[in-house]
Amino acid sequence: LQYTKNKAQELGICGFVQNLSTGDVLIHAEGTRESIQQLVDWCHYGSPRSKVTDVLTEPLKTMDYSNFIIK
């Protein structure tokens, strides 16, 4: 999760990342279209120890996060 947080902060994205009990990772991200797309592209590969099988995206209502945290 720390790699995701670092990448999001590098891109100026606010929101959070969280491990789910299913083994999936949930990310809520707010930023420019370009920065969000860069994060989505990065998620296809993830951190060095991750095994990415699928990346799903869904537009959500803006929550006005002020930073990016690990939940």
N, C-alpha and C. Protein backbone atom coordinates (compact mmCIF):
# COMPACT_ATOMS: atom_id res chain seq x y z
N LEU A 1 0.82 -1.21 0.00
CA LEU A 1 0.00 0.00 0.00
C LEU A 1 0.86 1.27 0.00
N GLN A 2 2.03 1.15 0.60
CA GLN A 2 2.91 2.32 0.67
C GLN A 2 3.35 2.76 -0.73
N TYR A 3 3.59 1.80 -1.64
CA TYR A 3 3.98 2.16 -3.00
C TYR A 3 2.86 2.94 -3.69
N THR A 4 1.62 2.51 -3.47
CA THR A 4 0.48 3.22 -4.06
C THR A 4 0.37 4.62 -3.49
N LYS A 5 0.52 4.74 -2.18
CA LYS A 5 0.46 6.06 -1.55
C LYS A 5 1.55 6.96 -2.12
N ASN A 6 2.76 6.44 -2.24
CA ASN A 6 3.87 7.23 -2.77
C ASN A 6 3.58 7.69 -4.20
N LYS A 7 3.06 6.78 -5.04
CA LYS A 7 2.75 7.12 -6.43
C LYS A 7 1.66 8.17 -6.49
N ALA A 8 0.61 8.01 -5.69
CA ALA A 8 -0.48 8.98 -5.67
C ALA A 8 0.03 10.35 -5.25
N GLN A 9 0.85 10.40 -4.22
CA GLN A 9 1.38 11.68 -3.76
C GLN A 9 2.28 12.30 -4.82
N GLU A 10 3.07 11.48 -5.50
CA GLU A 10 3.94 11.96 -6.58
C GLU A 10 3.11 12.62 -7.69
N LEU A 11 1.90 12.08 -7.93
CA LEU A 11 1.03 12.59 -8.98
C LEU A 11 0.09 13.70 -8.49
N GLY A 12 0.15 14.04 -7.21
CA GLY A 12 -0.70 15.09 -6.67
C GLY A 12 -2.14 14.64 -6.47
N ILE A 13 -2.33 13.36 -6.23
CA ILE A 13 -3.67 12.79 -6.06
C ILE A 13 -4.01 12.70 -4.58
N CYS A 14 -5.26 12.97 -4.25
CA CYS A 14 -5.77 12.84 -2.88
C CYS A 14 -6.74 11.67 -2.83
N GLY A 15 -6.93 11.11 -1.63
CA GLY A 15 -7.86 10.00 -1.45
C GLY A 15 -7.30 8.97 -0.50
N PHE A 16 -7.55 7.67 -0.81
CA PHE A 16 -7.02 6.63 0.06
C PHE A 16 -6.83 5.33 -0.70
N VAL A 17 -6.05 4.44 -0.10
CA VAL A 17 -5.87 3.07 -0.58
C VAL A 17 -6.12 2.15 0.60
N GLN A 18 -6.74 0.98 0.32
CA GLN A 18 -7.12 0.07 1.40
C GLN A 18 -7.10 -1.36 0.90
N ASN A 19 -6.52 -2.27 1.69
CA ASN A 19 -6.62 -3.70 1.41
C ASN A 19 -8.00 -4.17 1.84
N LEU A 20 -8.63 -4.98 0.99
CA LEU A 20 -9.92 -5.56 1.33
C LEU A 20 -9.73 -7.00 1.78
N SER A 21 -10.70 -7.53 2.50
CA SER A 21 -10.60 -8.90 3.01
C SER A 21 -10.53 -9.93 1.89
N THR A 22 -10.94 -9.56 0.70
CA THR A 22 -10.91 -10.45 -0.47
C THR A 22 -9.52 -10.57 -1.07
N GLY A 23 -8.60 -9.71 -0.62
CA GLY A 23 -7.27 -9.66 -1.21
C GLY A 23 -7.15 -8.57 -2.26
N ASP A 24 -8.28 -7.97 -2.61
CA ASP A 24 -8.28 -6.85 -3.56
C ASP A 24 -7.79 -5.59 -2.87
N VAL A 25 -7.44 -4.61 -3.67
CA VAL A 25 -7.03 -3.30 -3.17
C VAL A 25 -8.02 -2.28 -3.70
N LEU A 26 -8.54 -1.45 -2.82
CA LEU A 26 -9.48 -0.40 -3.17
C LEU A 26 -8.76 0.94 -3.12
N ILE A 27 -8.91 1.72 -4.17
CA ILE A 27 -8.32 3.06 -4.21
C ILE A 27 -9.42 4.05 -4.54
N HIS A 28 -9.58 5.06 -3.72
CA HIS A 28 -10.40 6.23 -4.04
C HIS A 28 -9.43 7.34 -4.34
N ALA A 29 -9.50 7.90 -5.52
CA ALA A 29 -8.51 8.89 -5.95
C ALA A 29 -9.18 10.10 -6.58
N GLU A 30 -8.69 11.27 -6.20
CA GLU A 30 -9.16 12.53 -6.78
C GLU A 30 -7.96 13.31 -7.28
N GLY A 31 -8.07 13.81 -8.48
CA GLY A 31 -7.01 14.61 -9.08
C GLY A 31 -7.41 15.00 -10.49
N THR A 32 -6.46 15.47 -11.25
CA THR A 32 -6.75 15.82 -12.64
C THR A 32 -6.98 14.55 -13.45
N ARG A 33 -7.63 14.69 -14.58
CA ARG A 33 -7.85 13.52 -15.45
C ARG A 33 -6.53 12.86 -15.79
N GLU A 34 -5.54 13.69 -16.10
CA GLU A 34 -4.23 13.17 -16.48
C GLU A 34 -3.58 12.39 -15.34
N SER A 35 -3.62 12.96 -14.13
CA SER A 35 -2.97 12.27 -13.00
C SER A 35 -3.71 10.98 -12.63
N ILE A 36 -5.02 11.00 -12.71
CA ILE A 36 -5.80 9.78 -12.43
C ILE A 36 -5.47 8.71 -13.47
N GLN A 37 -5.39 9.10 -14.74
CA GLN A 37 -5.06 8.13 -15.78
C GLN A 37 -3.66 7.55 -15.56
N GLN A 38 -2.73 8.39 -15.13
CA GLN A 38 -1.38 7.90 -14.85
C GLN A 38 -1.40 6.90 -13.70
N LEU A 39 -2.21 7.14 -12.67
CA LEU A 39 -2.32 6.21 -11.56
C LEU A 39 -2.96 4.89 -12.02
N VAL A 40 -4.01 4.98 -12.83
CA VAL A 40 -4.66 3.77 -13.35
C VAL A 40 -3.65 2.96 -14.17
N ASP A 41 -2.90 3.64 -15.02
CA ASP A 41 -1.88 2.94 -15.83
C ASP A 41 -0.86 2.26 -14.92
N TRP A 42 -0.42 2.95 -13.87
CA TRP A 42 0.55 2.40 -12.92
C TRP A 42 -0.04 1.18 -12.20
N CYS A 43 -1.35 1.22 -11.90
CA CYS A 43 -2.00 0.13 -11.18
C CYS A 43 -1.98 -1.18 -11.96
N HIS A 44 -1.86 -1.13 -13.26
CA HIS A 44 -1.79 -2.35 -14.06
C HIS A 44 -0.53 -3.15 -13.74
N TYR A 45 0.46 -2.48 -13.18
CA TYR A 45 1.72 -3.14 -12.79
C TYR A 45 1.88 -3.19 -11.28
N GLY A 46 1.50 -2.12 -10.60
CA GLY A 46 1.53 -2.08 -9.14
C GLY A 46 2.93 -2.08 -8.56
N SER A 47 3.00 -2.40 -7.29
CA SER A 47 4.27 -2.43 -6.57
C SER A 47 5.06 -3.68 -6.97
N PRO A 48 6.34 -3.71 -6.65
CA PRO A 48 7.17 -4.85 -7.03
C PRO A 48 6.67 -6.21 -6.52
N ARG A 49 6.00 -6.24 -5.38
CA ARG A 49 5.54 -7.52 -4.82
C ARG A 49 4.07 -7.82 -5.13
N SER A 50 3.42 -6.97 -5.90
CA SER A 50 2.00 -7.20 -6.16
C SER A 50 1.80 -8.11 -7.37
N LYS A 51 0.64 -8.76 -7.41
CA LYS A 51 0.25 -9.59 -8.54
C LYS A 51 -1.08 -9.02 -9.04
N VAL A 52 -1.02 -8.24 -10.09
CA VAL A 52 -2.21 -7.58 -10.62
C VAL A 52 -2.86 -8.48 -11.66
N THR A 53 -4.14 -8.79 -11.46
CA THR A 53 -4.87 -9.60 -12.43
C THR A 53 -5.92 -8.79 -13.17
N ASP A 54 -6.36 -7.67 -12.59
CA ASP A 54 -7.39 -6.86 -13.21
C ASP A 54 -7.41 -5.48 -12.54
N VAL A 55 -7.77 -4.48 -13.30
CA VAL A 55 -7.94 -3.13 -12.78
C VAL A 55 -9.31 -2.64 -13.25
N LEU A 56 -10.17 -2.34 -12.31
CA LEU A 56 -11.50 -1.83 -12.63
C LEU A 56 -11.59 -0.38 -12.17
N THR A 57 -12.22 0.46 -12.97
CA THR A 57 -12.41 1.86 -12.58
C THR A 57 -13.88 2.20 -12.60
N GLU A 58 -14.24 3.14 -11.76
CA GLU A 58 -15.63 3.59 -11.67
C GLU A 58 -15.62 5.04 -11.21
N PRO A 59 -16.28 5.94 -11.94
CA PRO A 59 -16.36 7.33 -11.48
C PRO A 59 -17.22 7.42 -10.22
N LEU A 60 -16.77 8.22 -9.27
CA LEU A 60 -17.50 8.41 -8.01
C LEU A 60 -17.70 9.89 -7.74
N LYS A 61 -18.58 10.18 -6.82
CA LYS A 61 -18.80 11.56 -6.38
C LYS A 61 -17.53 12.07 -5.71
N THR A 62 -17.17 13.30 -5.97
CA THR A 62 -16.00 13.92 -5.36
C THR A 62 -16.21 14.07 -3.85
N MET A 63 -15.19 13.67 -3.08
CA MET A 63 -15.28 13.74 -1.63
C MET A 63 -14.39 14.85 -1.05
N ASP A 64 -13.65 15.55 -1.90
CA ASP A 64 -12.77 16.65 -1.48
C ASP A 64 -11.75 16.21 -0.42
N TYR A 65 -11.06 15.11 -0.70
CA TYR A 65 -9.98 14.66 0.18
C TYR A 65 -8.88 15.72 0.20
N SER A 66 -8.19 15.84 1.31
CA SER A 66 -7.13 16.85 1.42
C SER A 66 -5.73 16.25 1.30
N ASN A 67 -5.63 14.90 1.36
CA ASN A 67 -4.34 14.23 1.21
C ASN A 67 -4.60 12.79 0.77
N PHE A 68 -3.55 11.97 0.72
CA PHE A 68 -3.71 10.57 0.35
C PHE A 68 -3.22 9.72 1.50
N ILE A 69 -4.09 8.82 1.98
CA ILE A 69 -3.75 8.01 3.17
C ILE A 69 -3.92 6.52 2.90
N ILE A 70 -3.33 5.73 3.78
CA ILE A 70 -3.54 4.29 3.79
C ILE A 70 -4.58 4.01 4.88
N LYS A 71 -5.64 3.31 4.52
CA LYS A 71 -6.66 2.94 5.53
C LYS A 71 -6.39 1.55 6.03
